[in-house]
Amino acid sequence: MALQKTVTLKTNFGTDVDFTNAYIRVDSVKVDKNFAQALVQTHKEKDGQVLEQKGYSFEYAINGLNPIAQTYNHLKTLPEFAGTVDC
């Protein structure tokens, strides 16, 4: 599972660059009781260059879906992931 979306990132020179249909995937998830920390990577395309890597924290439901599925569901609630498409 992954997400796809056009993302805009700043270069080292301060200019914005758009990446159409960037591929966003969960790289790893660490779970501790009711809390999870996820590392999410944005790629230029599937199996392409990593453009950005960010960490996210959220409440984890131990009796819920698997940690990766819960991470994707959490990401889709965040404003920066509005308009993403499952792929």
N, C-alpha and C. Protein backbone atom coordinates (compact mmCIF):
# COMPACT_ATOMS: atom_id res chain seq x y z
N MET A 1 0.84 -1.18 0.00
CA MET A 1 0.00 0.00 0.00
C MET A 1 0.88 1.24 0.00
N ALA A 2 0.39 2.27 -0.61
CA ALA A 2 1.07 3.56 -0.64
C ALA A 2 0.03 4.63 -0.97
N LEU A 3 0.47 5.86 -0.95
CA LEU A 3 -0.38 6.99 -1.32
C LEU A 3 0.29 7.72 -2.47
N GLN A 4 -0.51 8.38 -3.28
CA GLN A 4 0.01 9.18 -4.37
C GLN A 4 -0.62 10.55 -4.34
N LYS A 5 0.21 11.56 -4.65
CA LYS A 5 -0.26 12.94 -4.63
C LYS A 5 0.79 13.82 -5.28
N THR A 6 0.36 14.93 -5.83
CA THR A 6 1.31 15.94 -6.30
C THR A 6 1.79 16.70 -5.08
N VAL A 7 3.10 16.75 -4.89
CA VAL A 7 3.66 17.45 -3.75
C VAL A 7 4.57 18.58 -4.23
N THR A 8 4.66 19.61 -3.42
CA THR A 8 5.54 20.74 -3.71
C THR A 8 6.59 20.79 -2.61
N LEU A 9 7.85 20.74 -3.02
CA LEU A 9 8.96 20.78 -2.06
C LEU A 9 9.88 21.93 -2.39
N LYS A 10 10.50 22.48 -1.36
CA LYS A 10 11.47 23.58 -1.55
C LYS A 10 12.86 23.00 -1.82
N THR A 11 13.56 23.61 -2.75
CA THR A 11 14.95 23.22 -3.00
C THR A 11 15.85 23.94 -2.01
N ASN A 12 17.12 23.62 -2.03
CA ASN A 12 18.10 24.31 -1.17
C ASN A 12 18.23 25.78 -1.53
N PHE A 13 17.76 26.14 -2.72
CA PHE A 13 17.85 27.53 -3.17
C PHE A 13 16.57 28.31 -2.89
N GLY A 14 15.60 27.66 -2.23
CA GLY A 14 14.38 28.33 -1.84
C GLY A 14 13.27 28.33 -2.87
N THR A 15 13.49 27.70 -4.02
CA THR A 15 12.44 27.64 -5.03
C THR A 15 11.57 26.41 -4.82
N ASP A 16 10.32 26.49 -5.25
CA ASP A 16 9.40 25.36 -5.14
C ASP A 16 9.47 24.49 -6.39
N VAL A 17 9.41 23.18 -6.17
CA VAL A 17 9.38 22.23 -7.28
C VAL A 17 8.19 21.29 -7.05
N ASP A 18 7.35 21.13 -8.08
CA ASP A 18 6.21 20.22 -8.01
C ASP A 18 6.60 18.85 -8.52
N PHE A 19 6.16 17.82 -7.82
CA PHE A 19 6.36 16.44 -8.24
C PHE A 19 4.97 15.81 -8.40
N THR A 20 4.57 15.62 -9.64
CA THR A 20 3.26 15.06 -9.94
C THR A 20 3.25 13.58 -9.61
N ASN A 21 2.19 13.14 -8.93
CA ASN A 21 2.01 11.74 -8.56
C ASN A 21 3.19 11.18 -7.78
N ALA A 22 3.67 11.95 -6.83
CA ALA A 22 4.72 11.45 -5.94
C ALA A 22 4.20 10.23 -5.19
N TYR A 23 5.08 9.32 -4.87
CA TYR A 23 4.74 8.05 -4.24
C TYR A 23 5.11 8.15 -2.76
N ILE A 24 4.12 8.05 -1.88
CA ILE A 24 4.33 8.23 -0.45
C ILE A 24 4.11 6.89 0.25
N ARG A 25 5.14 6.41 0.94
CA ARG A 25 4.97 5.11 1.60
C ARG A 25 5.56 5.11 3.00
N VAL A 26 4.98 4.26 3.82
CA VAL A 26 5.45 4.07 5.19
C VAL A 26 6.69 3.21 5.13
N ASP A 27 7.79 3.72 5.65
CA ASP A 27 9.05 2.98 5.65
C ASP A 27 9.14 2.07 6.87
N SER A 28 8.73 2.58 8.04
CA SER A 28 8.78 1.78 9.26
C SER A 28 7.81 2.33 10.29
N VAL A 29 7.41 1.45 11.20
CA VAL A 29 6.52 1.84 12.30
C VAL A 29 7.03 1.16 13.57
N LYS A 30 7.16 1.95 14.64
CA LYS A 30 7.51 1.42 15.96
C LYS A 30 6.32 1.64 16.87
N VAL A 31 5.92 0.58 17.57
CA VAL A 31 4.73 0.64 18.42
C VAL A 31 5.14 0.41 19.87
N ASP A 32 4.57 1.22 20.76
CA ASP A 32 4.80 1.07 22.20
C ASP A 32 3.46 1.25 22.90
N LYS A 33 2.83 0.15 23.27
CA LYS A 33 1.49 0.14 23.90
C LYS A 33 0.49 0.87 23.03
N ASN A 34 0.08 2.08 23.40
CA ASN A 34 -0.96 2.82 22.68
C ASN A 34 -0.42 3.95 21.82
N PHE A 35 0.86 3.90 21.50
CA PHE A 35 1.49 5.00 20.78
C PHE A 35 2.35 4.43 19.65
N ALA A 36 2.35 5.08 18.50
CA ALA A 36 3.15 4.63 17.36
C ALA A 36 3.95 5.79 16.79
N GLN A 37 5.12 5.46 16.28
CA GLN A 37 5.97 6.41 15.57
C GLN A 37 6.26 5.81 14.21
N ALA A 38 6.01 6.59 13.16
CA ALA A 38 6.19 6.10 11.81
C ALA A 38 7.16 6.98 11.04
N LEU A 39 7.95 6.34 10.20
CA LEU A 39 8.84 7.04 9.29
C LEU A 39 8.22 6.92 7.90
N VAL A 40 7.94 8.07 7.27
CA VAL A 40 7.25 8.10 5.98
C VAL A 40 8.17 8.75 4.94
N GLN A 41 8.30 8.09 3.81
CA GLN A 41 9.15 8.60 2.73
C GLN A 41 8.30 9.01 1.53
N THR A 42 8.67 10.13 0.93
CA THR A 42 8.06 10.58 -0.31
C THR A 42 9.08 10.36 -1.42
N HIS A 43 8.65 9.61 -2.43
CA HIS A 43 9.53 9.28 -3.56
C HIS A 43 9.05 10.01 -4.81
N LYS A 44 9.98 10.28 -5.69
CA LYS A 44 9.64 10.94 -6.96
C LYS A 44 8.65 10.08 -7.74
N GLU A 45 8.84 8.78 -7.68
CA GLU A 45 7.96 7.80 -8.31
C GLU A 45 8.15 6.48 -7.59
N LYS A 46 7.33 5.49 -7.89
CA LYS A 46 7.47 4.19 -7.23
C LYS A 46 8.89 3.68 -7.44
N ASP A 47 9.53 3.28 -6.37
CA ASP A 47 10.93 2.80 -6.38
C ASP A 47 11.91 3.86 -6.89
N GLY A 48 11.50 5.11 -6.85
CA GLY A 48 12.36 6.20 -7.32
C GLY A 48 13.11 6.86 -6.18
N GLN A 49 13.75 7.94 -6.49
CA GLN A 49 14.55 8.72 -5.55
C GLN A 49 13.71 9.22 -4.38
N VAL A 50 14.28 9.13 -3.17
CA VAL A 50 13.60 9.66 -1.98
C VAL A 50 13.74 11.17 -2.00
N LEU A 51 12.59 11.86 -1.97
CA LEU A 51 12.58 13.32 -1.98
C LEU A 51 12.53 13.90 -0.58
N GLU A 52 11.85 13.17 0.32
CA GLU A 52 11.63 13.69 1.67
C GLU A 52 11.37 12.52 2.60
N GLN A 53 11.78 12.69 3.83
CA GLN A 53 11.55 11.68 4.86
C GLN A 53 11.12 12.40 6.13
N LYS A 54 9.97 11.99 6.69
CA LYS A 54 9.43 12.65 7.88
C LYS A 54 8.93 11.61 8.87
N GLY A 55 8.93 12.01 10.14
CA GLY A 55 8.39 11.16 11.19
C GLY A 55 7.04 11.67 11.65
N TYR A 56 6.17 10.74 12.02
CA TYR A 56 4.84 11.07 12.51
C TYR A 56 4.55 10.23 13.74
N SER A 57 3.85 10.80 14.70
CA SER A 57 3.44 10.10 15.91
C SER A 57 1.93 10.14 16.02
N PHE A 58 1.36 9.06 16.53
CA PHE A 58 -0.09 9.01 16.68
C PHE A 58 -0.47 7.92 17.68
N GLU A 59 -1.72 7.99 18.14
CA GLU A 59 -2.24 6.97 19.05
C GLU A 59 -2.48 5.69 18.26
N TYR A 60 -2.07 4.58 18.84
CA TYR A 60 -2.16 3.28 18.22
C TYR A 60 -3.20 2.43 18.94
N ALA A 61 -4.08 1.80 18.20
CA ALA A 61 -5.10 0.92 18.79
C ALA A 61 -4.62 -0.52 18.70
N ILE A 62 -4.20 -1.06 19.83
CA ILE A 62 -3.61 -2.39 19.84
C ILE A 62 -4.55 -3.46 19.28
N ASN A 63 -5.86 -3.27 19.40
CA ASN A 63 -6.83 -4.23 18.88
C ASN A 63 -7.36 -3.83 17.50
N GLY A 64 -6.74 -2.83 16.90
CA GLY A 64 -7.18 -2.35 15.59
C GLY A 64 -6.45 -3.02 14.45
N LEU A 65 -6.42 -2.34 13.31
CA LEU A 65 -5.72 -2.83 12.13
C LEU A 65 -4.23 -2.95 12.43
N ASN A 66 -3.49 -3.57 11.51
CA ASN A 66 -2.04 -3.68 11.71
C ASN A 66 -1.43 -2.28 11.74
N PRO A 67 -0.24 -2.13 12.32
CA PRO A 67 0.37 -0.80 12.49
C PRO A 67 0.55 -0.02 11.19
N ILE A 68 0.88 -0.69 10.11
CA ILE A 68 1.09 0.02 8.84
C ILE A 68 -0.24 0.56 8.32
N ALA A 69 -1.29 -0.24 8.37
CA ALA A 69 -2.61 0.22 7.93
C ALA A 69 -3.07 1.39 8.80
N GLN A 70 -2.84 1.30 10.11
CA GLN A 70 -3.22 2.41 10.99
C GLN A 70 -2.44 3.67 10.65
N THR A 71 -1.19 3.51 10.25
CA THR A 71 -0.38 4.68 9.87
C THR A 71 -0.97 5.35 8.64
N TYR A 72 -1.29 4.59 7.61
CA TYR A 72 -1.89 5.18 6.40
C TYR A 72 -3.21 5.87 6.74
N ASN A 73 -4.03 5.24 7.56
CA ASN A 73 -5.29 5.86 7.95
C ASN A 73 -5.06 7.17 8.70
N HIS A 74 -4.05 7.20 9.55
CA HIS A 74 -3.73 8.44 10.28
C HIS A 74 -3.24 9.52 9.31
N LEU A 75 -2.35 9.16 8.40
CA LEU A 75 -1.82 10.14 7.45
C LEU A 75 -2.95 10.82 6.68
N LYS A 76 -3.95 10.04 6.27
CA LYS A 76 -5.05 10.58 5.48
C LYS A 76 -5.91 11.57 6.26
N THR A 77 -5.74 11.64 7.58
CA THR A 77 -6.48 12.62 8.38
C THR A 77 -5.74 13.95 8.48
N LEU A 78 -4.49 13.99 8.06
CA LEU A 78 -3.67 15.20 8.18
C LEU A 78 -3.85 16.10 6.96
N PRO A 79 -3.89 17.43 7.17
CA PRO A 79 -4.08 18.37 6.05
C PRO A 79 -3.06 18.21 4.93
N GLU A 80 -1.82 17.89 5.26
CA GLU A 80 -0.80 17.78 4.21
C GLU A 80 -1.00 16.57 3.30
N PHE A 81 -1.87 15.65 3.71
CA PHE A 81 -2.16 14.48 2.90
C PHE A 81 -3.56 14.53 2.27
N ALA A 82 -4.20 15.68 2.35
CA ALA A 82 -5.51 15.85 1.72
C ALA A 82 -5.37 15.62 0.22
N GLY A 83 -6.29 14.91 -0.34
CA GLY A 83 -6.26 14.68 -1.78
C GLY A 83 -5.38 13.53 -2.23
N THR A 84 -4.84 12.77 -1.26
CA THR A 84 -4.03 11.62 -1.66
C THR A 84 -4.92 10.51 -2.20
N VAL A 85 -4.33 9.67 -3.01
CA VAL A 85 -5.03 8.53 -3.60
C VAL A 85 -4.29 7.27 -3.18
N ASP A 86 -5.05 6.24 -2.76
CA ASP A 86 -4.43 4.96 -2.44
C ASP A 86 -3.90 4.32 -3.71
N CYS A 87 -2.74 3.71 -3.60
CA CYS A 87 -2.21 2.97 -4.76
C CYS A 87 -1.47 1.73 -4.29
